[in-house]
N, C-alpha and C. Protein backbone atom coordinates (compact mmCIF):
# COMPACT_ATOMS: atom_id res chain seq x y z
N MET A 1 -6.14 -7.82 -10.88
CA MET A 1 -5.56 -6.70 -10.15
C MET A 1 -5.64 -7.00 -8.66
N SER A 2 -4.58 -6.77 -7.95
CA SER A 2 -4.50 -7.12 -6.53
C SER A 2 -4.78 -5.93 -5.63
N ILE A 3 -5.97 -5.34 -5.80
CA ILE A 3 -6.38 -4.18 -5.00
C ILE A 3 -7.82 -4.42 -4.56
N GLN A 4 -8.06 -4.36 -3.26
CA GLN A 4 -9.43 -4.51 -2.75
C GLN A 4 -9.78 -3.28 -1.94
N ILE A 5 -10.97 -2.76 -2.17
CA ILE A 5 -11.48 -1.62 -1.41
C ILE A 5 -12.54 -2.14 -0.45
N LEU A 6 -12.36 -1.84 0.82
CA LEU A 6 -13.24 -2.33 1.87
C LEU A 6 -13.80 -1.14 2.65
N ASP A 7 -15.10 -1.06 2.74
CA ASP A 7 -15.74 0.01 3.49
C ASP A 7 -16.49 -0.56 4.69
N ASN A 8 -16.73 0.31 5.67
CA ASN A 8 -17.55 -0.01 6.84
C ASN A 8 -16.97 -1.09 7.74
N TYR A 9 -15.66 -1.10 7.91
CA TYR A 9 -15.03 -2.03 8.83
C TYR A 9 -14.93 -1.48 10.25
N PHE A 10 -15.09 -0.17 10.39
CA PHE A 10 -15.03 0.46 11.70
C PHE A 10 -16.34 1.20 11.96
N SER A 11 -16.80 1.16 13.20
CA SER A 11 -17.96 1.97 13.57
C SER A 11 -17.52 3.44 13.63
N TYR A 12 -18.48 4.35 13.70
CA TYR A 12 -18.11 5.77 13.80
C TYR A 12 -17.30 6.03 15.06
N ASN A 13 -17.67 5.42 16.17
CA ASN A 13 -16.91 5.61 17.41
C ASN A 13 -15.48 5.11 17.28
N GLU A 14 -15.30 3.95 16.63
CA GLU A 14 -13.95 3.44 16.40
C GLU A 14 -13.16 4.38 15.49
N ARG A 15 -13.81 4.87 14.44
CA ARG A 15 -13.15 5.81 13.51
C ARG A 15 -12.74 7.08 14.24
N ASN A 16 -13.61 7.59 15.08
CA ASN A 16 -13.31 8.81 15.84
C ASN A 16 -12.12 8.59 16.77
N PHE A 17 -12.09 7.44 17.43
CA PHE A 17 -10.98 7.12 18.32
C PHE A 17 -9.66 7.06 17.54
N ILE A 18 -9.67 6.34 16.41
CA ILE A 18 -8.46 6.21 15.58
C ILE A 18 -8.01 7.58 15.08
N TYR A 19 -8.96 8.40 14.63
CA TYR A 19 -8.63 9.74 14.15
C TYR A 19 -7.92 10.56 15.23
N ASN A 20 -8.48 10.58 16.42
CA ASN A 20 -7.87 11.36 17.51
C ASN A 20 -6.51 10.80 17.91
N TYR A 21 -6.39 9.48 17.91
CA TYR A 21 -5.10 8.87 18.24
C TYR A 21 -4.06 9.27 17.19
N CYS A 22 -4.41 9.15 15.93
CA CYS A 22 -3.46 9.47 14.85
C CYS A 22 -3.09 10.95 14.82
N ARG A 23 -4.06 11.83 14.95
CA ARG A 23 -3.75 13.26 14.86
C ARG A 23 -2.91 13.75 16.04
N ASN A 24 -2.94 13.02 17.15
CA ASN A 24 -2.13 13.38 18.31
C ASN A 24 -0.80 12.64 18.36
N SER A 25 -0.47 11.95 17.29
CA SER A 25 0.80 11.23 17.22
C SER A 25 1.96 12.20 17.09
N LYS A 26 3.15 11.68 17.33
CA LYS A 26 4.37 12.49 17.18
C LYS A 26 4.87 12.33 15.76
N PHE A 27 4.65 13.35 14.95
CA PHE A 27 5.05 13.31 13.55
C PHE A 27 6.47 13.83 13.40
N LYS A 28 7.16 13.28 12.40
CA LYS A 28 8.51 13.72 12.11
C LYS A 28 8.68 13.83 10.59
N ILE A 29 9.70 14.53 10.18
CA ILE A 29 10.03 14.67 8.76
C ILE A 29 10.91 13.50 8.38
N GLY A 30 10.64 12.90 7.23
CA GLY A 30 11.58 11.88 6.83
C GLY A 30 11.10 10.80 5.90
N TRP A 31 9.82 10.57 5.76
CA TRP A 31 9.34 9.52 4.86
C TRP A 31 9.55 9.98 3.43
N GLU A 32 10.13 9.11 2.60
CA GLU A 32 10.36 9.43 1.19
C GLU A 32 9.71 8.37 0.33
N ASP A 33 9.15 8.79 -0.80
CA ASP A 33 8.50 7.85 -1.71
C ASP A 33 9.48 7.17 -2.65
N SER A 34 10.73 7.60 -2.67
CA SER A 34 11.68 7.08 -3.66
C SER A 34 13.09 7.01 -3.08
N ASP A 35 13.86 6.06 -3.60
CA ASP A 35 15.27 5.98 -3.26
C ASP A 35 16.12 6.85 -4.18
N ASP A 36 15.50 7.43 -5.21
CA ASP A 36 16.19 8.27 -6.18
C ASP A 36 16.74 9.52 -5.48
N ILE A 37 18.06 9.69 -5.54
CA ILE A 37 18.72 10.81 -4.85
C ILE A 37 18.17 12.17 -5.30
N GLU A 38 17.74 12.26 -6.54
CA GLU A 38 17.20 13.52 -7.07
C GLU A 38 15.85 13.87 -6.43
N LYS A 39 15.21 12.91 -5.82
CA LYS A 39 13.88 13.15 -5.23
C LYS A 39 13.92 13.14 -3.71
N GLN A 40 15.10 13.11 -3.12
CA GLN A 40 15.23 13.03 -1.68
C GLN A 40 14.73 14.29 -0.96
N ASN A 41 14.56 15.39 -1.67
CA ASN A 41 14.04 16.61 -1.05
C ASN A 41 12.53 16.55 -0.84
N LEU A 42 11.87 15.54 -1.36
CA LEU A 42 10.42 15.40 -1.24
C LEU A 42 10.07 14.57 -0.01
N LYS A 43 10.37 15.10 1.13
CA LYS A 43 10.13 14.39 2.39
C LYS A 43 8.72 14.68 2.91
N SER A 44 8.15 13.68 3.55
CA SER A 44 6.80 13.81 4.08
C SER A 44 6.82 13.72 5.60
N LEU A 45 5.72 14.13 6.20
CA LEU A 45 5.54 14.00 7.65
C LEU A 45 4.90 12.65 7.95
N ASN A 46 5.44 11.96 8.95
CA ASN A 46 4.88 10.66 9.30
C ASN A 46 5.11 10.36 10.77
N SER A 47 4.37 9.39 11.24
CA SER A 47 4.54 8.88 12.60
C SER A 47 4.60 7.36 12.49
N THR A 48 5.73 6.78 12.88
CA THR A 48 5.87 5.33 12.87
C THR A 48 5.42 4.80 14.22
N PHE A 49 4.45 3.90 14.19
CA PHE A 49 3.90 3.34 15.42
C PHE A 49 4.70 2.13 15.88
N THR A 50 4.84 2.01 17.18
CA THR A 50 5.32 0.76 17.77
C THR A 50 4.15 -0.23 17.72
N TYR A 51 4.41 -1.48 18.03
CA TYR A 51 3.34 -2.46 18.07
C TYR A 51 2.31 -2.08 19.13
N ASP A 52 2.75 -1.59 20.28
CA ASP A 52 1.82 -1.18 21.33
C ASP A 52 0.95 -0.02 20.88
N GLU A 53 1.53 0.94 20.16
CA GLU A 53 0.72 2.06 19.63
C GLU A 53 -0.28 1.56 18.59
N TYR A 54 0.12 0.59 17.80
CA TYR A 54 -0.79 -0.05 16.84
C TYR A 54 -1.99 -0.64 17.58
N LEU A 55 -1.74 -1.33 18.68
CA LEU A 55 -2.83 -1.90 19.47
C LEU A 55 -3.67 -0.79 20.11
N ASP A 56 -3.00 0.20 20.73
CA ASP A 56 -3.70 1.29 21.42
C ASP A 56 -4.52 2.15 20.47
N SER A 57 -4.08 2.29 19.22
CA SER A 57 -4.75 3.17 18.26
C SER A 57 -6.10 2.65 17.80
N GLY A 58 -6.32 1.35 17.91
CA GLY A 58 -7.56 0.74 17.42
C GLY A 58 -7.44 0.21 16.00
N LEU A 59 -6.32 0.43 15.33
CA LEU A 59 -6.16 -0.04 13.96
C LEU A 59 -6.22 -1.56 13.85
N LYS A 60 -5.73 -2.25 14.86
CA LYS A 60 -5.72 -3.72 14.81
C LYS A 60 -7.14 -4.27 14.74
N ILE A 61 -8.12 -3.54 15.24
CA ILE A 61 -9.51 -3.99 15.17
C ILE A 61 -9.91 -4.21 13.71
N GLY A 62 -9.55 -3.27 12.83
CA GLY A 62 -9.86 -3.41 11.41
C GLY A 62 -9.10 -4.55 10.78
N VAL A 63 -7.84 -4.70 11.13
CA VAL A 63 -7.03 -5.79 10.59
C VAL A 63 -7.64 -7.13 11.00
N ASP A 64 -8.06 -7.24 12.24
CA ASP A 64 -8.64 -8.50 12.71
C ASP A 64 -9.93 -8.85 11.99
N LYS A 65 -10.64 -7.85 11.51
CA LYS A 65 -11.89 -8.10 10.77
C LYS A 65 -11.62 -8.60 9.35
N ILE A 66 -10.40 -8.44 8.89
CA ILE A 66 -10.04 -8.92 7.56
C ILE A 66 -9.43 -10.30 7.77
N SER A 67 -10.22 -11.31 7.55
CA SER A 67 -9.81 -12.67 7.91
C SER A 67 -8.55 -13.12 7.17
N LYS A 68 -8.23 -12.48 6.05
CA LYS A 68 -7.05 -12.87 5.27
C LYS A 68 -5.74 -12.51 5.96
N LEU A 69 -5.75 -11.49 6.78
CA LEU A 69 -4.51 -10.99 7.37
C LEU A 69 -4.28 -11.65 8.73
N LYS A 70 -3.57 -12.76 8.70
CA LYS A 70 -3.32 -13.51 9.93
C LYS A 70 -1.85 -13.48 10.30
N ALA A 71 -1.16 -12.40 9.97
CA ALA A 71 0.26 -12.26 10.29
C ALA A 71 0.45 -10.97 11.08
N GLU A 72 1.59 -10.87 11.72
CA GLU A 72 1.92 -9.64 12.43
C GLU A 72 2.50 -8.62 11.44
N PRO A 73 2.17 -7.35 11.59
CA PRO A 73 2.71 -6.34 10.68
C PRO A 73 4.21 -6.14 10.89
N VAL A 74 4.88 -5.72 9.81
CA VAL A 74 6.31 -5.41 9.91
C VAL A 74 6.55 -3.92 10.11
N LYS A 75 5.53 -3.10 9.81
CA LYS A 75 5.65 -1.66 9.99
C LYS A 75 4.26 -1.05 10.01
N ILE A 76 4.08 -0.01 10.83
CA ILE A 76 2.82 0.74 10.89
C ILE A 76 3.20 2.21 10.83
N VAL A 77 2.64 2.93 9.86
CA VAL A 77 2.99 4.33 9.65
C VAL A 77 1.73 5.15 9.43
N VAL A 78 1.65 6.31 10.09
CA VAL A 78 0.59 7.28 9.81
C VAL A 78 1.24 8.41 9.03
N ASN A 79 0.71 8.66 7.84
CA ASN A 79 1.21 9.75 6.99
C ASN A 79 0.31 10.97 7.13
N LEU A 80 0.93 12.12 7.12
CA LEU A 80 0.23 13.39 7.21
C LEU A 80 0.58 14.18 5.94
N THR A 81 -0.43 14.48 5.15
CA THR A 81 -0.24 15.23 3.91
C THR A 81 -0.88 16.60 4.04
N LYS A 82 -0.20 17.59 3.45
CA LYS A 82 -0.69 18.96 3.46
C LYS A 82 -0.93 19.42 2.02
N PRO A 83 -1.82 20.40 1.80
CA PRO A 83 -2.00 20.92 0.45
C PRO A 83 -0.67 21.37 -0.13
N GLY A 84 -0.46 21.05 -1.39
CA GLY A 84 0.77 21.45 -2.06
C GLY A 84 1.91 20.46 -1.94
N ASP A 85 1.76 19.42 -1.11
CA ASP A 85 2.80 18.39 -1.02
C ASP A 85 2.93 17.69 -2.37
N VAL A 86 4.10 17.16 -2.65
CA VAL A 86 4.36 16.44 -3.90
C VAL A 86 4.66 14.98 -3.55
N HIS A 87 4.00 14.08 -4.23
CA HIS A 87 4.21 12.65 -4.02
C HIS A 87 4.46 12.00 -5.37
N ILE A 88 5.29 10.99 -5.39
CA ILE A 88 5.63 10.31 -6.64
C ILE A 88 5.28 8.83 -6.52
N PRO A 89 5.07 8.17 -7.66
CA PRO A 89 4.78 6.73 -7.60
C PRO A 89 5.92 5.97 -6.93
N HIS A 90 5.54 4.99 -6.14
CA HIS A 90 6.51 4.16 -5.42
C HIS A 90 5.88 2.80 -5.14
N THR A 91 6.70 1.88 -4.64
CA THR A 91 6.22 0.54 -4.30
C THR A 91 6.71 0.18 -2.89
N HIS A 92 6.16 -0.88 -2.39
CA HIS A 92 6.58 -1.48 -1.12
C HIS A 92 6.82 -2.96 -1.44
N ASN A 93 7.95 -3.22 -2.06
CA ASN A 93 8.24 -4.55 -2.59
C ASN A 93 8.18 -5.64 -1.53
N GLY A 94 7.51 -6.73 -1.92
CA GLY A 94 7.43 -7.90 -1.04
C GLY A 94 6.45 -7.75 0.11
N GLN A 95 5.62 -6.70 0.05
CA GLN A 95 4.70 -6.47 1.16
C GLN A 95 3.25 -6.37 0.67
N VAL A 96 2.35 -6.65 1.56
CA VAL A 96 0.92 -6.37 1.38
C VAL A 96 0.63 -5.18 2.27
N VAL A 97 -0.13 -4.22 1.77
CA VAL A 97 -0.41 -2.99 2.50
C VAL A 97 -1.90 -2.89 2.81
N MET A 98 -2.20 -2.56 4.06
CA MET A 98 -3.55 -2.17 4.43
C MET A 98 -3.49 -0.66 4.65
N LEU A 99 -4.11 0.09 3.75
CA LEU A 99 -4.14 1.55 3.82
C LEU A 99 -5.51 1.97 4.36
N TYR A 100 -5.51 2.82 5.36
CA TYR A 100 -6.75 3.25 6.01
C TYR A 100 -6.86 4.77 5.92
N TYR A 101 -7.99 5.26 5.42
CA TYR A 101 -8.26 6.70 5.34
C TYR A 101 -8.80 7.17 6.69
N VAL A 102 -8.03 7.96 7.39
CA VAL A 102 -8.27 8.30 8.79
C VAL A 102 -9.25 9.45 9.00
N ASN A 103 -9.20 10.49 8.15
CA ASN A 103 -10.05 11.67 8.39
C ASN A 103 -11.52 11.28 8.53
N LEU A 104 -12.25 12.00 9.37
CA LEU A 104 -13.66 11.70 9.63
C LEU A 104 -14.59 12.28 8.58
N GLU A 105 -14.17 13.37 7.96
CA GLU A 105 -15.00 14.02 6.94
C GLU A 105 -14.14 14.30 5.73
N TRP A 106 -14.74 14.15 4.54
CA TRP A 106 -14.02 14.45 3.31
C TRP A 106 -15.01 14.68 2.20
N GLN A 107 -14.73 15.64 1.35
CA GLN A 107 -15.57 15.91 0.17
C GLN A 107 -14.75 15.64 -1.08
N SER A 108 -15.39 15.09 -2.10
CA SER A 108 -14.66 14.66 -3.29
C SER A 108 -13.91 15.81 -3.97
N GLN A 109 -14.40 17.04 -3.86
CA GLN A 109 -13.72 18.17 -4.50
C GLN A 109 -12.40 18.53 -3.81
N TRP A 110 -12.12 17.91 -2.69
CA TRP A 110 -10.86 18.17 -1.98
C TRP A 110 -9.71 17.31 -2.50
N ALA A 111 -9.99 16.40 -3.45
CA ALA A 111 -8.99 15.48 -4.03
C ALA A 111 -8.49 14.51 -2.96
N GLY A 112 -7.19 14.19 -2.94
CA GLY A 112 -6.65 13.27 -1.96
C GLY A 112 -6.75 11.80 -2.36
N GLU A 113 -7.02 11.53 -3.63
CA GLU A 113 -7.17 10.15 -4.09
C GLU A 113 -5.85 9.36 -4.00
N THR A 114 -5.99 8.06 -3.97
CA THR A 114 -4.86 7.15 -4.12
C THR A 114 -4.90 6.65 -5.55
N LEU A 115 -3.77 6.75 -6.24
CA LEU A 115 -3.67 6.33 -7.64
C LEU A 115 -2.79 5.10 -7.73
N PHE A 116 -3.25 4.11 -8.49
CA PHE A 116 -2.47 2.90 -8.74
C PHE A 116 -2.11 2.88 -10.22
N TYR A 117 -0.86 2.52 -10.52
CA TYR A 117 -0.33 2.58 -11.88
C TYR A 117 -0.02 1.19 -12.43
N ASP A 118 0.14 1.15 -13.77
CA ASP A 118 0.66 -0.06 -14.40
C ASP A 118 2.14 -0.18 -14.02
N ASN A 119 2.77 -1.28 -14.38
CA ASN A 119 4.15 -1.53 -13.97
C ASN A 119 5.16 -0.52 -14.48
N GLU A 120 4.85 0.18 -15.56
CA GLU A 120 5.76 1.20 -16.09
C GLU A 120 5.43 2.61 -15.60
N CYS A 121 4.41 2.74 -14.76
CA CYS A 121 3.95 4.04 -14.24
C CYS A 121 3.57 5.00 -15.37
N LYS A 122 3.00 4.44 -16.43
CA LYS A 122 2.57 5.26 -17.57
C LYS A 122 1.07 5.54 -17.54
N GLU A 123 0.31 4.62 -16.96
CA GLU A 123 -1.14 4.74 -16.93
C GLU A 123 -1.68 4.45 -15.54
N VAL A 124 -2.68 5.20 -15.14
CA VAL A 124 -3.39 4.91 -13.89
C VAL A 124 -4.35 3.75 -14.18
N ILE A 125 -4.24 2.68 -13.40
CA ILE A 125 -5.10 1.52 -13.62
C ILE A 125 -6.28 1.47 -12.64
N LYS A 126 -6.15 2.19 -11.53
CA LYS A 126 -7.24 2.25 -10.55
C LYS A 126 -7.06 3.49 -9.69
N THR A 127 -8.16 4.07 -9.31
CA THR A 127 -8.17 5.23 -8.43
C THR A 127 -9.14 4.97 -7.29
N SER A 128 -8.74 5.32 -6.09
CA SER A 128 -9.65 5.26 -4.96
C SER A 128 -9.81 6.67 -4.41
N ILE A 129 -11.06 7.15 -4.43
CA ILE A 129 -11.29 8.45 -3.82
C ILE A 129 -11.06 8.33 -2.32
N TYR A 130 -10.74 9.45 -1.69
CA TYR A 130 -10.53 9.46 -0.25
C TYR A 130 -11.91 9.41 0.39
N GLN A 131 -12.26 8.25 0.90
CA GLN A 131 -13.54 8.02 1.57
C GLN A 131 -13.27 7.73 3.03
N PRO A 132 -13.68 8.60 3.97
CA PRO A 132 -13.39 8.36 5.39
C PRO A 132 -13.76 6.94 5.82
N GLY A 133 -12.84 6.32 6.56
CA GLY A 133 -13.08 4.99 7.07
C GLY A 133 -12.78 3.86 6.09
N ARG A 134 -12.39 4.20 4.88
CA ARG A 134 -12.12 3.18 3.86
C ARG A 134 -10.79 2.49 4.12
N ILE A 135 -10.77 1.20 3.83
CA ILE A 135 -9.54 0.41 3.85
C ILE A 135 -9.26 -0.01 2.41
N ILE A 136 -8.01 0.14 2.01
CA ILE A 136 -7.57 -0.40 0.72
C ILE A 136 -6.51 -1.45 1.04
N LEU A 137 -6.75 -2.64 0.60
CA LEU A 137 -5.82 -3.74 0.79
C LEU A 137 -5.19 -4.01 -0.57
N PHE A 138 -3.84 -3.92 -0.65
CA PHE A 138 -3.23 -4.09 -1.97
C PHE A 138 -1.83 -4.66 -1.88
N ASP A 139 -1.41 -5.19 -3.02
CA ASP A 139 -0.07 -5.73 -3.18
C ASP A 139 0.88 -4.55 -3.30
N GLY A 140 1.85 -4.46 -2.39
CA GLY A 140 2.78 -3.34 -2.37
C GLY A 140 3.68 -3.26 -3.58
N ASP A 141 3.71 -4.31 -4.41
CA ASP A 141 4.50 -4.27 -5.65
C ASP A 141 3.82 -3.42 -6.72
N ILE A 142 2.57 -3.04 -6.52
CA ILE A 142 1.87 -2.18 -7.48
C ILE A 142 2.31 -0.74 -7.24
N PRO A 143 2.85 -0.07 -8.27
CA PRO A 143 3.22 1.35 -8.10
C PRO A 143 1.97 2.17 -7.76
N HIS A 144 2.13 3.07 -6.79
CA HIS A 144 1.00 3.88 -6.35
C HIS A 144 1.51 5.21 -5.79
N THR A 145 0.60 6.15 -5.68
CA THR A 145 0.89 7.45 -5.07
C THR A 145 -0.42 8.08 -4.65
N ILE A 146 -0.32 9.26 -4.07
CA ILE A 146 -1.53 9.99 -3.70
C ILE A 146 -1.52 11.35 -4.35
N ARG A 147 -2.69 11.88 -4.50
CA ARG A 147 -2.85 13.29 -4.85
C ARG A 147 -3.12 14.02 -3.55
N PRO A 148 -2.30 15.02 -3.22
CA PRO A 148 -2.59 15.75 -1.99
C PRO A 148 -3.92 16.51 -2.12
N GLN A 149 -4.46 16.86 -0.99
CA GLN A 149 -5.72 17.59 -0.99
C GLN A 149 -5.53 19.01 -1.55
N THR A 150 -6.64 19.58 -1.98
CA THR A 150 -6.62 20.95 -2.48
C THR A 150 -6.47 21.93 -1.32
N HIS A 151 -6.19 23.16 -1.66
CA HIS A 151 -6.08 24.20 -0.62
C HIS A 151 -7.43 24.52 0.01
N ASN A 152 -8.53 24.14 -0.64
CA ASN A 152 -9.87 24.36 -0.08
C ASN A 152 -10.27 23.26 0.90
N GLY A 153 -9.50 22.18 0.92
CA GLY A 153 -9.81 21.05 1.79
C GLY A 153 -9.19 21.22 3.16
N PRO A 154 -9.28 20.19 3.97
CA PRO A 154 -8.67 20.24 5.30
C PRO A 154 -7.16 20.46 5.21
N GLN A 155 -6.62 21.05 6.23
CA GLN A 155 -5.19 21.33 6.27
C GLN A 155 -4.37 20.05 6.33
N PHE A 156 -4.94 18.98 6.92
CA PHE A 156 -4.22 17.73 7.09
C PHE A 156 -5.04 16.55 6.57
N ARG A 157 -4.38 15.70 5.80
CA ARG A 157 -4.97 14.46 5.29
C ARG A 157 -4.17 13.33 5.94
N PHE A 158 -4.85 12.48 6.70
CA PHE A 158 -4.18 11.40 7.40
C PHE A 158 -4.50 10.05 6.74
N THR A 159 -3.48 9.22 6.61
CA THR A 159 -3.68 7.82 6.24
C THR A 159 -2.83 6.98 7.18
N ALA A 160 -3.31 5.80 7.47
CA ALA A 160 -2.53 4.84 8.26
C ALA A 160 -2.24 3.65 7.35
N SER A 161 -0.98 3.26 7.31
CA SER A 161 -0.57 2.11 6.50
C SER A 161 -0.01 1.03 7.42
N VAL A 162 -0.53 -0.16 7.25
CA VAL A 162 -0.05 -1.31 7.99
C VAL A 162 0.56 -2.26 6.96
N PHE A 163 1.84 -2.58 7.13
CA PHE A 163 2.59 -3.36 6.15
C PHE A 163 2.81 -4.78 6.66
N PHE A 164 2.57 -5.76 5.78
CA PHE A 164 2.77 -7.17 6.09
C PHE A 164 3.75 -7.75 5.08
N ASP A 165 4.68 -8.55 5.56
CA ASP A 165 5.61 -9.25 4.69
C ASP A 165 4.84 -10.38 4.02
N LYS A 166 4.87 -10.42 2.69
CA LYS A 166 4.12 -11.47 1.97
C LYS A 166 4.51 -12.86 2.41
N SER A 167 5.78 -13.06 2.75
CA SER A 167 6.25 -14.39 3.12
C SER A 167 5.67 -14.89 4.45
N THR A 168 5.10 -13.99 5.26
CA THR A 168 4.54 -14.40 6.54
C THR A 168 3.04 -14.65 6.47
N LEU A 169 2.42 -14.36 5.33
CA LEU A 169 0.99 -14.58 5.19
C LEU A 169 0.73 -16.05 4.84
N ASP A 170 -0.46 -16.51 5.17
CA ASP A 170 -0.83 -17.90 4.85
C ASP A 170 -0.58 -18.20 3.38
N SER A 171 -0.20 -19.43 3.08
CA SER A 171 0.11 -19.81 1.71
C SER A 171 -1.09 -19.67 0.78
N ASP A 172 -2.31 -19.72 1.33
CA ASP A 172 -3.50 -19.57 0.50
C ASP A 172 -3.98 -18.12 0.43
N PHE A 173 -3.18 -17.19 0.95
CA PHE A 173 -3.55 -15.76 0.93
C PHE A 173 -3.63 -15.27 -0.51
N LYS A 174 -4.75 -14.64 -0.83
CA LYS A 174 -4.93 -14.02 -2.15
C LYS A 174 -5.70 -12.72 -1.97
N LEU A 175 -5.32 -11.73 -2.74
CA LEU A 175 -6.06 -10.47 -2.71
C LEU A 175 -7.19 -10.55 -3.71
């Protein structure tokens, strides 16, 4: 399975800085989990970072600590999820994804997990609870989705995704 969970890559001060940077981003409506026309009404809030914002946000510090990622990202997105949002399984074909859980505090009863599926999206093969400061490094060809937080949890669940084109990674790159 091409999914790695990495904890403790950022200090608390770095995490706090990233959190404040992300929550103050300019969010817009428009990210969709599917190209299926029937699901186009399921739009999410997101903020797409420029390369300079990626550097300013502090996210590159975590990427640099992962010695495997020696390529420039092709896209950086901060997603904002609210209770009651609907998300469907999707992929990021041809990419490796570094997913970072941005919120500073989280309790397991608030949900917000990331779910990874088999190729037919019939079975969950791995689940990552929302753990503040956690990085999940995975092959974007693996179908995945999130469970939004409960109404008892925080109003906003932030994740930052840094996407790398597989073809630009070192030939010996392995997850």
